[in-house]
Amino acid sequence: MNEVVARMHVLFVTLDSLRYDVAAALFSEAATPNFQQHIPEGWQHCHSPGSFTYAAHHAFFAGFLPTPVANAKAPRLFAARFAGSETTGVHTLVFDTPDIVTGFAGHGFRTICIGGVGFFNRQTALGRVLPSLFQESYWEPAYGVTDKSSTRNQFEKAARLVTTAGEQQLFMFINVSAIHQPNYFYQPGADTDSLQSHGAAMQYVDSQLPVLLNAFRQSDRDTFCIFCSDHGTAYGEDNHYGHRVGHATVWDVPMSTFILKKSGNG
């Protein structure tokens, strides 16, 4: 990560509410071809540090991304310095700041937040906490959970901002809202949310991915990409519904990282 911060953009996207089992099943069915192109090895099975958006993102912005199930002590990509950390390794990018967003800004990055769910809408004091970490933050109803075209709207905004980057490195964060309830409108004929509409929403997000990644391909440098869910959602399993509950459907999340090469560079 120390090499990354010296020469690349950083793109961090949370697929709000996406369950690991749904992401893995869609991948195995080749139903998310754009993600498959960039993560041919599939999604990494991880545990979220929080059972709902606000808690999980506070952890993310302190450097605690989802924990790999296969190696809970795996070194983290980046961290805010504190004594006794067991997952800060020699390759971890360590910031002497209370959060990684401020840390990236201190390294000269332009930090941008494109919000999705209510914790990023800046409409209340609570909704301003997380986006206020960034130099720039954007939210409008077209990015929120009730707009069927939310992902396209978010990614088109991101693409426009990338074109204004010039030579400055970007740390861009996007909270994709489409998979969060309500998501029934992604499944034709449905009038209630279900595991099937959850998967259909993820397929919609996949269909919009080129809008975002092609913009970064056209920039002047490579981009280090982080895609993960912040938590999952229960649809009646063991009589659990939604999130902020201690159930595997909530704690098990997908994650992947990859380097997106700029155009003409492979």
Protein backbone atom coordinates (compact mmCIF):
# COMPACT_ATOMS: atom_id res chain seq x y z
CA MET A 1 0.00 0.00 0.00
CA ASN A 2 2.93 2.36 0.47
CA GLU A 3 3.74 1.86 -3.22
CA VAL A 4 0.08 2.34 -4.14
CA VAL A 5 -0.21 5.66 -2.32
CA ALA A 6 2.89 6.89 -4.12
CA ARG A 7 1.46 6.51 -7.62
CA MET A 8 -2.19 5.37 -7.89
CA HIS A 9 -5.72 6.58 -7.38
CA VAL A 10 -7.67 4.70 -4.71
CA LEU A 11 -11.30 3.75 -5.39
CA PHE A 12 -13.25 2.35 -2.42
CA VAL A 13 -16.79 1.14 -3.13
CA THR A 14 -19.15 -0.37 -0.57
CA LEU A 15 -22.00 -2.46 -1.97
CA ASP A 16 -24.39 -1.65 0.83
CA SER A 17 -26.19 -4.70 2.33
CA LEU A 18 -24.78 -7.27 -0.13
CA ARG A 19 -24.70 -10.80 1.29
CA TYR A 20 -21.71 -13.04 0.65
CA ASP A 21 -23.79 -16.06 -0.34
CA VAL A 22 -25.71 -14.06 -2.93
CA ALA A 23 -22.56 -12.51 -4.41
CA ALA A 24 -20.84 -15.90 -4.57
CA ALA A 25 -23.86 -17.61 -6.15
CA LEU A 26 -24.19 -14.94 -8.82
CA PHE A 27 -20.49 -15.22 -9.54
CA SER A 28 -20.68 -19.01 -9.93
CA GLU A 29 -23.61 -18.57 -12.34
CA ALA A 30 -21.65 -15.98 -14.38
CA ALA A 31 -24.51 -13.57 -13.65
CA THR A 32 -22.23 -10.63 -12.80
CA PRO A 33 -19.91 -10.60 -15.83
CA ASN A 34 -18.38 -7.19 -15.26
CA PHE A 35 -17.22 -8.06 -11.76
CA GLN A 36 -16.07 -11.42 -13.09
CA GLN A 37 -13.82 -9.66 -15.58
CA HIS A 38 -11.94 -7.89 -12.79
CA ILE A 39 -12.05 -10.54 -10.04
CA PRO A 40 -11.77 -13.84 -11.96
CA GLU A 41 -10.83 -15.66 -8.76
CA GLY A 42 -14.16 -14.73 -7.18
CA TRP A 43 -15.17 -12.91 -4.02
CA GLN A 44 -13.19 -13.27 -0.80
CA HIS A 45 -15.33 -14.51 2.08
CA CYS A 46 -15.02 -12.05 4.95
CA HIS A 47 -16.66 -10.96 8.18
CA SER A 48 -17.88 -7.40 8.55
CA PRO A 49 -16.67 -5.29 11.49
CA GLY A 50 -20.24 -3.99 11.94
CA SER A 51 -23.79 -5.24 11.51
CA PHE A 52 -25.15 -2.03 9.96
CA THR A 53 -23.94 0.81 7.78
CA TYR A 54 -22.94 3.40 10.36
CA ALA A 55 -20.92 1.03 12.53
CA ALA A 56 -19.25 -0.74 9.62
CA HIS A 57 -18.15 2.45 7.90
CA HIS A 58 -16.71 3.94 11.07
CA ALA A 59 -14.54 0.82 11.23
CA PHE A 60 -13.68 1.01 7.53
CA PHE A 61 -12.57 4.62 7.79
CA ALA A 62 -10.36 3.69 10.76
CA GLY A 63 -8.67 1.08 8.53
CA PHE A 64 -10.63 -2.00 9.64
CA LEU A 65 -11.95 -3.45 6.40
CA PRO A 66 -13.81 -6.78 6.41
CA THR A 67 -11.79 -9.57 8.03
CA PRO A 68 -10.89 -12.57 5.84
CA VAL A 69 -12.58 -15.68 7.19
CA ALA A 70 -9.58 -17.82 6.23
CA ASN A 71 -7.05 -15.58 8.00
CA ALA A 72 -8.38 -13.30 10.71
CA LYS A 73 -4.88 -11.99 11.48
CA ALA A 74 -4.10 -11.02 7.89
CA PRO A 75 -2.21 -7.70 7.72
CA ARG A 76 -4.49 -4.79 6.90
CA LEU A 77 -4.09 -2.59 3.83
CA PHE A 78 -4.04 0.60 5.88
CA ALA A 79 -4.43 1.63 9.49
CA ALA A 80 -4.62 4.57 11.84
CA ARG A 81 -1.69 4.13 14.18
CA PHE A 82 -2.40 2.72 17.64
CA ALA A 83 -0.38 0.61 20.04
CA GLY A 84 -0.93 -3.12 20.15
CA SER A 85 -2.37 -3.62 16.68
CA GLU A 86 -1.95 -7.27 15.67
CA THR A 87 -2.87 -6.68 12.03
CA THR A 88 -0.55 -3.80 11.15
CA GLY A 89 2.20 -5.35 9.04
CA VAL A 90 5.29 -4.15 7.22
CA HIS A 91 3.24 -3.48 4.06
CA THR A 92 0.38 -1.72 5.86
CA LEU A 93 0.03 1.97 5.08
CA VAL A 94 -0.08 3.56 8.54
CA PHE A 95 -1.51 7.03 9.08
CA ASP A 96 -0.89 9.26 12.10
CA THR A 97 -4.46 10.49 11.81
CA PRO A 98 -7.72 9.38 13.45
CA ASP A 99 -9.07 8.09 10.14
CA ILE A 100 -7.73 7.00 6.77
CA VAL A 101 -9.64 9.67 4.84
CA THR A 102 -7.77 12.44 6.60
CA GLY A 103 -4.63 10.38 6.14
CA PHE A 104 -5.04 10.22 2.38
CA ALA A 105 -5.71 13.96 2.29
CA GLY A 106 -2.45 14.47 4.16
CA HIS A 107 -0.69 12.58 1.37
CA GLY A 108 -2.06 15.06 -1.15
CA PHE A 109 -5.09 13.07 -2.32
CA ARG A 110 -8.35 14.76 -3.25
CA THR A 111 -10.88 12.94 -1.07
CA ILE A 112 -14.40 12.49 -2.44
CA CYS A 113 -17.51 10.83 -1.04
CA ILE A 114 -20.52 9.95 -3.20
CA GLY A 115 -23.20 8.90 -0.75
CA GLY A 116 -26.03 6.47 -1.07
CA VAL A 117 -28.01 5.42 2.01
CA GLY A 118 -29.24 7.83 4.67
CA PHE A 119 -26.05 7.87 6.73
CA PHE A 120 -24.44 9.81 3.84
CA ASN A 121 -27.26 12.18 2.86
CA ARG A 122 -26.16 15.22 4.94
CA GLN A 123 -29.82 15.97 5.71
CA THR A 124 -29.37 15.55 9.47
CA ALA A 125 -26.53 15.93 11.95
CA LEU A 126 -26.13 12.14 11.95
CA GLY A 127 -26.16 12.06 8.15
CA ARG A 128 -23.26 14.52 8.07
CA VAL A 129 -20.84 12.60 10.32
CA LEU A 130 -19.36 10.23 7.75
CA PRO A 131 -19.34 12.48 4.65
CA SER A 132 -17.76 15.30 6.68
CA LEU A 133 -14.54 13.28 6.79
CA PHE A 134 -14.05 14.09 3.10
CA GLN A 135 -12.97 17.27 1.36
CA GLU A 136 -15.92 16.87 -1.01
CA SER A 137 -19.16 14.96 -0.50
CA TYR A 138 -22.13 14.55 -2.78
CA TRP A 139 -25.63 13.23 -2.24
CA GLU A 140 -29.02 13.77 -3.82
CA PRO A 141 -32.25 11.73 -3.88
CA ALA A 142 -31.20 10.25 -7.23
CA TYR A 143 -28.37 8.45 -5.39
CA GLY A 144 -30.64 7.03 -2.68
CA VAL A 145 -32.40 3.76 -2.03
CA THR A 146 -35.71 4.69 -3.67
CA ASP A 147 -34.31 5.58 -7.10
CA LYS A 148 -34.18 2.59 -9.44
CA SER A 149 -31.33 4.24 -11.39
CA SER A 150 -29.29 5.13 -8.31
CA THR A 151 -26.13 3.26 -9.28
CA ARG A 152 -26.00 4.74 -12.75
CA ASN A 153 -26.57 8.19 -11.26
CA GLN A 154 -23.79 7.68 -8.70
CA PHE A 155 -21.32 6.25 -11.21
CA GLU A 156 -22.01 8.98 -13.76
CA LYS A 157 -21.30 11.59 -11.07
CA ALA A 158 -18.08 9.77 -10.20
CA ALA A 159 -17.06 9.66 -13.86
CA ARG A 160 -17.56 13.42 -14.19
CA LEU A 161 -15.42 14.04 -11.12
CA VAL A 162 -12.63 11.79 -12.39
CA THR A 163 -12.35 13.95 -15.50
CA THR A 164 -11.60 16.97 -13.29
CA ALA A 165 -8.81 15.27 -11.35
CA GLY A 166 -5.98 16.55 -13.48
CA GLU A 167 -2.71 15.26 -12.06
CA GLN A 168 -3.98 15.02 -8.47
CA GLN A 169 -4.51 11.60 -6.98
CA LEU A 170 -8.02 10.67 -5.93
CA PHE A 171 -9.29 8.80 -2.92
CA MET A 172 -12.88 8.25 -4.01
CA PHE A 173 -15.45 6.51 -1.86
CA ILE A 174 -18.87 5.46 -3.16
CA ASN A 175 -21.64 3.94 -1.05
CA VAL A 176 -23.80 2.02 -3.55
CA SER A 177 -27.38 2.06 -2.28
CA ALA A 178 -29.21 -0.11 -4.83
CA ILE A 179 -28.94 -3.45 -3.01
CA HIS A 180 -30.24 -2.02 0.25
CA GLN A 181 -33.97 -2.32 0.78
CA PRO A 182 -36.21 -1.49 -0.99
CA ASN A 183 -34.91 -3.55 -3.90
CA TYR A 184 -38.09 -5.31 -5.11
CA PHE A 185 -38.28 -3.09 -8.20
CA TYR A 186 -35.23 -4.82 -9.70
CA GLN A 187 -37.22 -8.04 -10.03
CA PRO A 188 -40.02 -7.78 -12.61
CA GLY A 189 -43.44 -8.34 -11.09
CA ALA A 190 -42.29 -8.27 -7.47
CA ASP A 191 -43.93 -6.03 -4.87
CA THR A 192 -41.87 -7.03 -1.82
CA ASP A 193 -38.15 -7.44 -1.17
CA SER A 194 -36.76 -10.97 -1.27
CA LEU A 195 -33.49 -12.84 -1.68
CA GLN A 196 -34.26 -12.93 -5.40
CA SER A 197 -34.69 -9.16 -5.70
CA HIS A 198 -31.52 -8.72 -3.61
CA GLY A 199 -29.65 -10.70 -6.27
CA ALA A 200 -31.37 -8.83 -9.08
CA ALA A 201 -30.20 -5.54 -7.54
CA MET A 202 -26.63 -6.82 -7.53
CA GLN A 203 -26.96 -7.74 -11.19
CA TYR A 204 -28.13 -4.19 -11.88
CA VAL A 205 -25.07 -2.79 -10.08
CA ASP A 206 -22.85 -5.08 -12.14
CA SER A 207 -24.43 -3.77 -15.36
CA GLN A 208 -23.40 -0.22 -14.42
CA LEU A 209 -19.82 -1.02 -13.41
CA PRO A 210 -18.27 -0.05 -16.78
CA VAL A 211 -19.54 3.54 -16.34
CA LEU A 212 -17.31 3.88 -13.27
CA LEU A 213 -14.28 1.83 -14.23
CA ASN A 214 -13.99 3.16 -17.78
CA ALA A 215 -13.71 6.67 -16.34
CA PHE A 216 -10.80 5.63 -14.15
CA ARG A 217 -9.20 3.80 -17.10
CA GLN A 218 -9.12 7.13 -18.93
CA SER A 219 -7.32 8.90 -16.09
CA ASP A 220 -3.60 9.55 -16.01
CA ARG A 221 -2.68 6.76 -13.59
CA ASP A 222 -3.59 3.25 -12.42
CA THR A 223 -6.25 2.78 -9.75
CA PHE A 224 -6.23 0.53 -6.70
CA CYS A 225 -9.83 -0.70 -6.29
CA ILE A 226 -11.55 -2.00 -3.16
CA PHE A 227 -15.05 -3.43 -3.46
CA CYS A 228 -16.81 -4.88 -0.44
CA SER A 229 -20.10 -5.07 1.37
CA ASP A 230 -20.57 -3.34 4.71
CA HIS A 231 -23.01 -5.97 6.00
CA GLY A 232 -25.60 -8.42 4.71
CA THR A 233 -29.34 -8.64 5.21
CA ALA A 234 -31.59 -11.41 6.51
CA TYR A 235 -34.74 -12.38 4.66
CA GLY A 236 -36.40 -14.54 7.29
CA GLU A 237 -33.55 -16.94 8.06
CA ASP A 238 -34.00 -18.21 11.63
CA ASN A 239 -36.77 -15.61 11.89
CA HIS A 240 -34.34 -12.72 11.33
CA TYR A 241 -35.13 -9.83 9.01
CA GLY A 242 -32.96 -6.93 7.92
CA HIS A 243 -29.63 -6.20 9.60
CA ARG A 244 -28.21 -4.95 12.90
CA VAL A 245 -28.68 -8.52 14.13
CA GLY A 246 -26.13 -11.21 14.99
CA HIS A 247 -26.74 -13.64 12.16
CA ALA A 248 -24.42 -15.10 9.51
CA THR A 249 -26.49 -13.56 6.72
CA VAL A 250 -25.47 -10.17 8.14
CA TRP A 251 -21.89 -10.83 9.20
CA ASP A 252 -20.73 -12.74 6.08
CA VAL A 253 -19.73 -10.30 3.34
CA PRO A 254 -17.79 -10.34 0.06
CA MET A 255 -14.67 -8.33 -0.65
CA SER A 256 -12.17 -7.98 -3.48
CA THR A 257 -9.24 -5.76 -4.36
CA PHE A 258 -7.58 -5.33 -7.75
CA ILE A 259 -5.49 -2.87 -9.73
CA LEU A 260 -7.24 -1.23 -12.67
CA LYS A 261 -4.72 -0.26 -15.32
CA LYS A 262 -5.06 3.00 -17.15
CA SER A 263 -5.83 2.78 -20.87
CA GLY A 264 -2.89 1.76 -22.98
CA ASN A 265 -1.17 0.12 -20.00
CA GLY A 266 -2.60 -3.39 -20.13
